[in-house]
Amino acid sequence: MLIDIHAHIWGGTIEENKSEIIKACELYNISKVYISGIRSHYPDKDEIDYLNYEVYKFIKEQPERIGGFCYVNPVHDNCMDVLRKGIEDYHMEGMKLWVATFCNDPRVFPLVEKCIDYNIPVLVHAFKKTVGQLEYETVGTHVADLASRYPEARLIMAHLGGNAYHGVKCIKKYKNVWVDFSGSIFRRDDLDYTVEQIGVERIVFGTDMVGSFLVNYGQVEEANLTPEEKEMIYYKNALKVLHG
């Protein structure tokens, strides 16, 4: 079994992205892919509604293979309604935060509290960059602050925080934070380091598709892991994060 907890359909190329994801599921025997729709860094309300609806359609088309994370822009005054619709009407299983605000912005707090009520995880884009850091792009220190504020929340820090040697250290002591290593920026050494720091129990598999599934799969296969530990990363940890 294999669960990819972090993938996307992109506004403007949605049908092509859907085809690529289903093709990957068929080629590599992926059991389920959890997607969110994204496009611009600072989406307006119409864009958010459009993207979440496209995810909902994909779930309806492929219910056995596709799950969803509700994309929310905390700046919007209707963000709580967007989350409610995504979870209650569209049957999504988590909330996605990208780069419109830091994840520990006070406007995020009511959303996280509602996720706790719904018993769903929060997938947080986090990416520390040497150059090109976006104005409100979350890094590991922001995730750590949110985790400290809401120890009952289940948080997934995406991309190992963009730099494993910074991000993983920030969240090391917070047992309510899991990490994914999605994207093509890491080598197996980064995964070995993450296991050393926080244990295999807090790592979930994600790819950031659309893109190459095999890059992230290869990182697990090459890492210094037992077959049982690989199973934890491939699906067992995701089931715990998703269902508590």
C-alpha atoms as a PDB file:
ATOM      1  CA  MET A   1       0.000   0.000   0.000  1.00  0.00           C
ATOM      2  CA  LEU A   2       1.188   3.536  -0.749  1.00  0.00           C
ATOM      3  CA  ILE A   3      -0.450   6.862   0.121  1.00  0.00           C
ATOM      4  CA  ASP A   4       0.771  10.127  -1.387  1.00  0.00           C
ATOM      5  CA  ILE A   5      -0.405  12.785   1.041  1.00  0.00           C
ATOM      6  CA  HIS A   6       0.822  15.834  -0.889  1.00  0.00           C
ATOM      7  CA  ALA A   7      -0.033  16.428  -4.535  1.00  0.00           C
ATOM      8  CA  HIS A   8      -1.693  19.168  -6.601  1.00  0.00           C
ATOM      9  CA  ILE A   9      -3.793  20.096  -9.543  1.00  0.00           C
ATOM     10  CA  TRP A  10      -2.806  23.511 -10.885  1.00  0.00           C
ATOM     11  CA  GLY A  11      -5.259  26.072 -12.161  1.00  0.00           C
ATOM     12  CA  GLY A  12      -4.819  26.352 -15.915  1.00  0.00           C
ATOM     13  CA  THR A  13      -3.657  22.763 -16.434  1.00  0.00           C
ATOM     14  CA  ILE A  14      -6.163  20.845 -14.347  1.00  0.00           C
ATOM     15  CA  GLU A  15      -7.248  18.203 -16.850  1.00  0.00           C
ATOM     16  CA  GLU A  16      -3.644  17.459 -17.834  1.00  0.00           C
ATOM     17  CA  ASN A  17      -2.677  17.211 -14.162  1.00  0.00           C
ATOM     18  CA  LYS A  18      -5.520  14.809 -13.418  1.00  0.00           C
ATOM     19  CA  SER A  19      -4.439  12.545 -16.259  1.00  0.00           C
ATOM     20  CA  GLU A  20      -0.835  12.549 -15.035  1.00  0.00           C
ATOM     21  CA  ILE A  21      -1.843  11.668 -11.480  1.00  0.00           C
ATOM     22  CA  ILE A  22      -4.075   8.787 -12.557  1.00  0.00           C
ATOM     23  CA  LYS A  23      -1.344   7.526 -14.879  1.00  0.00           C
ATOM     24  CA  ALA A  24       1.111   7.557 -11.943  1.00  0.00           C
ATOM     25  CA  CYS A  25      -1.371   5.622  -9.806  1.00  0.00           C
ATOM     26  CA  GLU A  26      -1.639   2.974 -12.491  1.00  0.00           C
ATOM     27  CA  LEU A  27       2.092   2.761 -13.241  1.00  0.00           C
ATOM     28  CA  TYR A  28       3.337   2.690  -9.669  1.00  0.00           C
ATOM     29  CA  ASN A  29       0.433   1.108  -7.805  1.00  0.00           C
ATOM     30  CA  ILE A  30      -0.301   4.184  -5.684  1.00  0.00           C
ATOM     31  CA  SER A  31      -3.285   3.421  -3.459  1.00  0.00           C
ATOM     32  CA  LYS A  32      -4.462   6.985  -2.859  1.00  0.00           C
ATOM     33  CA  VAL A  33      -3.343  10.524  -3.644  1.00  0.00           C
ATOM     34  CA  TYR A  34      -4.430  13.509  -1.558  1.00  0.00           C
ATOM     35  CA  ILE A  35      -4.565  16.658  -3.632  1.00  0.00           C
ATOM     36  CA  SER A  36      -5.231  20.360  -3.266  1.00  0.00           C
ATOM     37  CA  GLY A  37      -5.765  22.880  -6.020  1.00  0.00           C
ATOM     38  CA  ILE A  38      -3.404  25.845  -6.226  1.00  0.00           C
ATOM     39  CA  ARG A  39      -2.487  28.569  -8.695  1.00  0.00           C
ATOM     40  CA  SER A  40      -1.500  32.086  -7.606  1.00  0.00           C
ATOM     41  CA  HIS A  41       0.304  32.989  -4.393  1.00  0.00           C
ATOM     42  CA  TYR A  42      -2.435  35.345  -3.207  1.00  0.00           C
ATOM     43  CA  PRO A  43      -5.692  33.933  -4.579  1.00  0.00           C
ATOM     44  CA  ASP A  44      -8.975  35.816  -4.445  1.00  0.00           C
ATOM     45  CA  LYS A  45     -12.216  34.243  -3.295  1.00  0.00           C
ATOM     46  CA  ASP A  46     -13.283  33.161  -6.767  1.00  0.00           C
ATOM     47  CA  GLU A  47      -9.996  31.360  -7.376  1.00  0.00           C
ATOM     48  CA  ILE A  48     -10.247  29.518  -4.063  1.00  0.00           C
ATOM     49  CA  ASP A  49     -13.817  28.430  -4.831  1.00  0.00           C
ATOM     50  CA  TYR A  50     -12.861  27.296  -8.326  1.00  0.00           C
ATOM     51  CA  LEU A  51      -9.856  25.262  -7.177  1.00  0.00           C
ATOM     52  CA  ASN A  52     -11.686  23.532  -4.340  1.00  0.00           C
ATOM     53  CA  TYR A  53     -14.563  22.681  -6.672  1.00  0.00           C
ATOM     54  CA  GLU A  54     -12.136  21.139  -9.161  1.00  0.00           C
ATOM     55  CA  VAL A  55     -10.673  18.985  -6.380  1.00  0.00           C
ATOM     56  CA  TYR A  56     -14.187  17.934  -5.396  1.00  0.00           C
ATOM     57  CA  LYS A  57     -14.919  16.938  -9.003  1.00  0.00           C
ATOM     58  CA  PHE A  58     -11.746  14.864  -9.114  1.00  0.00           C
ATOM     59  CA  ILE A  59     -12.712  13.091  -5.895  1.00  0.00           C
ATOM     60  CA  LYS A  60     -16.152  12.330  -7.357  1.00  0.00           C
ATOM     61  CA  GLU A  61     -14.551  10.976 -10.540  1.00  0.00           C
ATOM     62  CA  GLN A  62     -11.966   8.825  -8.750  1.00  0.00           C
ATOM     63  CA  PRO A  63     -13.225   8.192  -5.189  1.00  0.00           C
ATOM     64  CA  GLU A  64     -11.016   5.158  -4.605  1.00  0.00           C
ATOM     65  CA  ARG A  65      -7.831   6.901  -5.712  1.00  0.00           C
ATOM     66  CA  ILE A  66      -8.271  10.589  -4.872  1.00  0.00           C
ATOM     67  CA  GLY A  67      -8.743  12.408  -1.574  1.00  0.00           C
ATOM     68  CA  GLY A  68      -8.692  16.135  -0.958  1.00  0.00           C
ATOM     69  CA  PHE A  69      -7.316  18.872   1.248  1.00  0.00           C
ATOM     70  CA  CYS A  70      -9.398  22.045   1.360  1.00  0.00           C
ATOM     71  CA  TYR A  71      -7.350  25.045   0.201  1.00  0.00           C
ATOM     72  CA  VAL A  72      -8.016  28.104   2.365  1.00  0.00           C
ATOM     73  CA  ASN A  73      -6.778  31.684   2.214  1.00  0.00           C
ATOM     74  CA  PRO A  74      -6.947  32.937   5.828  1.00  0.00           C
ATOM     75  CA  VAL A  75      -7.024  36.564   4.639  1.00  0.00           C
ATOM     76  CA  HIS A  76     -10.555  36.162   3.301  1.00  0.00           C
ATOM     77  CA  ASP A  77     -13.500  36.973   5.536  1.00  0.00           C
ATOM     78  CA  ASN A  78     -15.300  33.840   4.305  1.00  0.00           C
ATOM     79  CA  CYS A  79     -12.446  31.431   5.000  1.00  0.00           C
ATOM     80  CA  MET A  80     -14.349  29.577   7.714  1.00  0.00           C
ATOM     81  CA  ASP A  81     -17.226  29.012   5.304  1.00  0.00           C
ATOM     82  CA  VAL A  82     -14.754  27.753   2.695  1.00  0.00           C
ATOM     83  CA  LEU A  83     -13.380  25.234   5.184  1.00  0.00           C
ATOM     84  CA  ARG A  84     -16.848  24.130   6.226  1.00  0.00           C
ATOM     85  CA  LYS A  85     -17.892  23.604   2.623  1.00  0.00           C
ATOM     86  CA  GLY A  86     -14.712  21.693   1.817  1.00  0.00           C
ATOM     87  CA  ILE A  87     -15.065  19.309   4.732  1.00  0.00           C
ATOM     88  CA  GLU A  88     -18.831  18.950   5.109  1.00  0.00           C
ATOM     89  CA  ASP A  89     -20.041  19.262   1.505  1.00  0.00           C
ATOM     90  CA  TYR A  90     -17.013  18.196  -0.537  1.00  0.00           C
ATOM     91  CA  HIS A  91     -15.912  15.478   1.930  1.00  0.00           C
ATOM     92  CA  MET A  92     -12.278  16.580   1.987  1.00  0.00           C
ATOM     93  CA  GLU A  93     -10.060  15.191   4.735  1.00  0.00           C
ATOM     94  CA  GLY A  94      -7.704  18.024   5.662  1.00  0.00           C
ATOM     95  CA  MET A  95      -6.906  21.708   5.262  1.00  0.00           C
ATOM     96  CA  LYS A  96      -4.150  23.141   3.050  1.00  0.00           C
ATOM     97  CA  LEU A  97      -2.289  26.381   3.835  1.00  0.00           C
ATOM     98  CA  TRP A  98       0.071  27.846   1.247  1.00  0.00           C
ATOM     99  CA  VAL A  99       1.782  31.252   1.159  1.00  0.00           C
ATOM    100  CA  ALA A 100      -0.924  33.905   1.628  1.00  0.00           C
ATOM    101  CA  THR A 101      -0.086  34.168   5.358  1.00  0.00           C
ATOM    102  CA  PHE A 102       2.363  32.692   7.808  1.00  0.00           C
ATOM    103  CA  CYS A 103       0.843  29.603   9.386  1.00  0.00           C
ATOM    104  CA  ASN A 104       0.960  31.265  12.831  1.00  0.00           C
ATOM    105  CA  ASP A 105      -0.856  34.402  11.709  1.00  0.00           C
ATOM    106  CA  PRO A 106      -3.723  35.020  14.189  1.00  0.00           C
ATOM    107  CA  ARG A 107      -6.173  34.782  11.286  1.00  0.00           C
ATOM    108  CA  VAL A 108      -5.203  31.113  10.996  1.00  0.00           C
ATOM    109  CA  PHE A 109      -6.072  30.270  14.599  1.00  0.00           C
ATOM    110  CA  PRO A 110      -9.871  29.914  14.190  1.00  0.00           C
ATOM    111  CA  LEU A 111      -9.268  27.667  11.176  1.00  0.00           C
ATOM    112  CA  VAL A 112      -6.937  25.400  13.127  1.00  0.00           C
ATOM    113  CA  GLU A 113      -9.415  25.269  15.986  1.00  0.00           C
ATOM    114  CA  LYS A 114     -12.091  24.183  13.540  1.00  0.00           C
ATOM    115  CA  CYS A 115      -9.753  21.511  12.140  1.00  0.00           C
ATOM    116  CA  ILE A 116      -9.326  20.212  15.674  1.00  0.00           C
ATOM    117  CA  ASP A 117     -13.112  20.051  15.983  1.00  0.00           C
ATOM    118  CA  TYR A 118     -13.326  18.217  12.641  1.00  0.00           C
ATOM    119  CA  ASN A 119     -10.467  15.904  13.693  1.00  0.00           C
ATOM    120  CA  ILE A 120      -8.580  16.588  10.461  1.00  0.00           C
ATOM    121  CA  PRO A 121      -4.908  17.449   9.785  1.00  0.00           C
ATOM    122  CA  VAL A 122      -3.472  20.697   8.464  1.00  0.00           C
ATOM    123  CA  LEU A 123      -0.964  20.519   5.606  1.00  0.00           C
ATOM    124  CA  VAL A 124       1.350  23.526   5.852  1.00  0.00           C
ATOM    125  CA  HIS A 125       3.641  24.632   3.054  1.00  0.00           C
ATOM    126  CA  ALA A 126       6.940  25.522   4.742  1.00  0.00           C
ATOM    127  CA  PHE A 127      10.039  26.483   2.812  1.00  0.00           C
ATOM    128  CA  LYS A 128      13.154  28.260   4.040  1.00  0.00           C
ATOM    129  CA  LYS A 129      15.037  29.730   1.084  1.00  0.00           C
ATOM    130  CA  THR A 130      18.427  31.338   0.679  1.00  0.00           C
ATOM    131  CA  VAL A 131      17.013  33.655  -1.981  1.00  0.00           C
ATOM    132  CA  GLY A 132      13.503  34.360  -3.176  1.00  0.00           C
ATOM    133  CA  GLN A 133      11.671  33.912   0.124  1.00  0.00           C
ATOM    134  CA  LEU A 134       8.086  35.026  -0.350  1.00  0.00           C
ATOM    135  CA  GLU A 135       6.746  37.720   1.963  1.00  0.00           C
ATOM    136  CA  TYR A 136       4.521  35.439   4.021  1.00  0.00           C
ATOM    137  CA  GLU A 137       6.137  32.075   3.303  1.00  0.00           C
ATOM    138  CA  THR A 138       6.108  29.863   6.380  1.00  0.00           C
ATOM    139  CA  VAL A 139       9.327  28.346   7.738  1.00  0.00           C
ATOM    140  CA  GLY A 140       9.947  25.853  10.526  1.00  0.00           C
ATOM    141  CA  THR A 141       9.862  28.412  13.342  1.00  0.00           C
ATOM    142  CA  HIS A 142       6.321  29.406  12.380  1.00  0.00           C
ATOM    143  CA  VAL A 143       5.210  25.766  12.358  1.00  0.00           C
ATOM    144  CA  ALA A 144       6.794  25.230  15.768  1.00  0.00           C
ATOM    145  CA  ASP A 145       4.943  28.240  17.158  1.00  0.00           C
ATOM    146  CA  LEU A 146       1.609  26.971  15.828  1.00  0.00           C
ATOM    147  CA  ALA A 147       2.310  23.476  17.176  1.00  0.00           C
ATOM    148  CA  SER A 148       3.090  24.919  20.602  1.00  0.00           C
ATOM    149  CA  ARG A 149      -0.098  26.974  20.592  1.00  0.00           C
ATOM    150  CA  TYR A 150      -2.276  24.020  19.520  1.00  0.00           C
ATOM    151  CA  PRO A 151      -0.762  20.752  20.793  1.00  0.00           C
ATOM    152  CA  GLU A 152      -3.997  18.915  19.941  1.00  0.00           C
ATOM    153  CA  ALA A 153      -3.748  19.897  16.259  1.00  0.00           C
ATOM    154  CA  ARG A 154      -2.233  17.482  13.742  1.00  0.00           C
ATOM    155  CA  LEU A 155       0.147  19.445  11.535  1.00  0.00           C
ATOM    156  CA  ILE A 156       2.103  18.288   8.500  1.00  0.00           C
ATOM    157  CA  MET A 157       5.125  20.447   7.712  1.00  0.00           C
ATOM    158  CA  ALA A 158       5.663  20.030   3.979  1.00  0.00           C
ATOM    159  CA  HIS A 159       9.017  19.786   2.191  1.00  0.00           C
ATOM    160  CA  LEU A 160      10.943  19.170   5.447  1.00  0.00           C
ATOM    161  CA  GLY A 161      10.530  22.918   5.849  1.00  0.00           C
ATOM    162  CA  GLY A 162      12.526  23.521   2.633  1.00  0.00           C
ATOM    163  CA  ASN A 163      15.791  22.830   4.430  1.00  0.00           C
ATOM    164  CA  ALA A 164      15.856  19.729   6.602  1.00  0.00           C
ATOM    165  CA  TYR A 165      18.720  20.998   8.721  1.00  0.00           C
ATOM    166  CA  HIS A 166      16.671  24.026   9.722  1.00  0.00           C
ATOM    167  CA  GLY A 167      13.040  22.928   9.554  1.00  0.00           C
ATOM    168  CA  VAL A 168      13.305  19.550  11.237  1.00  0.00           C
ATOM    169  CA  LYS A 169      15.237  20.997  14.178  1.00  0.00           C
ATOM    170  CA  CYS A 170      12.504  23.583  14.699  1.00  0.00           C
ATOM    171  CA  ILE A 171       9.719  21.026  15.101  1.00  0.00           C
ATOM    172  CA  LYS A 172      11.737  18.229  16.687  1.00  0.00           C
ATOM    173  CA  LYS A 173      10.140  18.439  20.130  1.00  0.00           C
ATOM    174  CA  TYR A 174       6.557  18.846  18.890  1.00  0.00           C
ATOM    175  CA  LYS A 175       5.012  15.403  18.619  1.00  0.00           C
ATOM    176  CA  ASN A 176       1.940  16.829  16.887  1.00  0.00           C
ATOM    177  CA  VAL A 177       3.999  17.752  13.802  1.00  0.00           C
ATOM    178  CA  TRP A 178       4.711  15.289  11.014  1.00  0.00           C
ATOM    179  CA  VAL A 179       6.828  16.087   7.965  1.00  0.00           C
ATOM    180  CA  ASP A 180       6.760  15.194   4.297  1.00  0.00           C
ATOM    181  CA  PHE A 181       9.714  15.360   1.902  1.00  0.00           C
ATOM    182  CA  SER A 182       7.705  16.204  -1.193  1.00  0.00           C
ATOM    183  CA  GLY A 183       9.329  17.848  -4.198  1.00  0.00           C
ATOM    184  CA  SER A 184      12.607  16.985  -5.870  1.00  0.00           C
ATOM    185  CA  ILE A 185      14.951  19.044  -3.683  1.00  0.00           C
ATOM    186  CA  PHE A 186      16.113  16.369  -1.259  1.00  0.00           C
ATOM    187  CA  ARG A 187      18.535  13.447  -1.331  1.00  0.00           C
ATOM    188  CA  ARG A 188      18.396  10.302   0.752  1.00  0.00           C
ATOM    189  CA  ASP A 189      20.847  11.918   3.209  1.00  0.00           C
ATOM    190  CA  ASP A 190      18.154  14.449   4.124  1.00  0.00           C
ATOM    191  CA  LEU A 191      15.726  11.634   4.825  1.00  0.00           C
ATOM    192  CA  ASP A 192      18.298   9.751   6.904  1.00  0.00           C
ATOM    193  CA  TYR A 193      18.924  12.933   8.894  1.00  0.00           C
ATOM    194  CA  THR A 194      15.195  13.424   9.472  1.00  0.00           C
ATOM    195  CA  VAL A 195      14.781   9.868  10.744  1.00  0.00           C
ATOM    196  CA  GLU A 196      17.714  10.427  13.079  1.00  0.00           C
ATOM    197  CA  GLN A 197      16.182  13.626  14.454  1.00  0.00           C
ATOM    198  CA  ILE A 198      12.477  12.803  14.846  1.00  0.00           C
ATOM    199  CA  GLY A 199      12.100   9.090  14.133  1.00  0.00           C
ATOM    200  CA  VAL A 200      10.395   7.323  11.275  1.00  0.00           C
ATOM    201  CA  GLU A 201       6.990   7.603  12.995  1.00  0.00           C
ATOM    202  CA  ARG A 202       6.605  11.280  12.068  1.00  0.00           C
ATOM    203  CA  ILE A 203       7.427  11.084   8.356  1.00  0.00           C
ATOM    204  CA  VAL A 204       4.701  10.790   5.718  1.00  0.00           C
ATOM    205  CA  PHE A 205       5.140  10.156   2.017  1.00  0.00           C
ATOM    206  CA  GLY A 206       4.386  12.973  -0.407  1.00  0.00           C
ATOM    207  CA  THR A 207       5.585  13.869  -3.882  1.00  0.00           C
ATOM    208  CA  ASP A 208       4.238  17.340  -4.769  1.00  0.00           C
ATOM    209  CA  MET A 209       2.903  15.820  -7.990  1.00  0.00           C
ATOM    210  CA  VAL A 210       2.390  16.728 -10.716  1.00  0.00           C
ATOM    211  CA  GLY A 211       6.029  15.903 -11.315  1.00  0.00           C
ATOM    212  CA  SER A 212       8.160  12.863 -10.877  1.00  0.00           C
ATOM    213  CA  PHE A 213       6.789  10.371  -8.386  1.00  0.00           C
ATOM    214  CA  LEU A 214       9.949   8.290  -8.722  1.00  0.00           C
ATOM    215  CA  VAL A 215      12.252  10.928  -7.210  1.00  0.00           C
ATOM    216  CA  ASN A 216      10.577  10.738  -3.823  1.00  0.00           C
ATOM    217  CA  TYR A 217       9.995   6.998  -4.013  1.00  0.00           C
ATOM    218  CA  GLY A 218      13.704   6.498  -4.706  1.00  0.00           C
ATOM    219  CA  GLN A 219      14.650   8.513  -1.643  1.00  0.00           C
ATOM    220  CA  VAL A 220      12.786   6.046   0.564  1.00  0.00           C
ATOM    221  CA  GLU A 221      14.104   2.998  -1.256  1.00  0.00           C
ATOM    222  CA  GLU A 222      17.707   4.179  -0.939  1.00  0.00           C
ATOM    223  CA  ALA A 223      17.446   5.356   2.675  1.00  0.00           C
ATOM    224  CA  ASN A 224      18.790   3.316   5.569  1.00  0.00           C
ATOM    225  CA  LEU A 225      15.382   1.886   6.502  1.00  0.00           C
ATOM    226  CA  THR A 226      14.000  -1.544   7.325  1.00  0.00           C
ATOM    227  CA  PRO A 227      11.053  -2.895   5.310  1.00  0.00           C
ATOM    228  CA  GLU A 228       8.815  -2.165   8.305  1.00  0.00           C
ATOM    229  CA  GLU A 229      10.026   1.437   8.499  1.00  0.00           C
ATOM    230  CA  LYS A 230       9.393   1.915   4.784  1.00  0.00           C
ATOM    231  CA  GLU A 231       5.830   0.711   5.288  1.00  0.00           C
ATOM    232  CA  MET A 232       5.380   3.321   8.006  1.00  0.00           C
ATOM    233  CA  ILE A 233       6.465   6.080   5.641  1.00  0.00           C
ATOM    234  CA  TYR A 234       4.590   4.717   2.654  1.00  0.00           C
ATOM    235  CA  TYR A 235       1.180   4.510   4.330  1.00  0.00           C
ATOM    236  CA  LYS A 236       0.916   3.644   8.022  1.00  0.00           C
ATOM    237  CA  ASN A 237       1.889   7.092   9.306  1.00  0.00           C
ATOM    238  CA  ALA A 238      -0.470   8.764   6.835  1.00  0.00           C
ATOM    239  CA  LEU A 239      -3.389   6.742   8.146  1.00  0.00           C
ATOM    240  CA  LYS A 240      -2.626   7.959  11.671  1.00  0.00           C
ATOM    241  CA  VAL A 241      -2.307  11.577  10.577  1.00  0.00           C
ATOM    242  CA  LEU A 242      -5.500  11.459   8.546  1.00  0.00           C
ATOM    243  CA  HIS A 243      -7.664   9.608  11.041  1.00  0.00           C
ATOM    244  CA  GLY A 244      -6.102  10.355  14.402  1.00  0.00           C
END
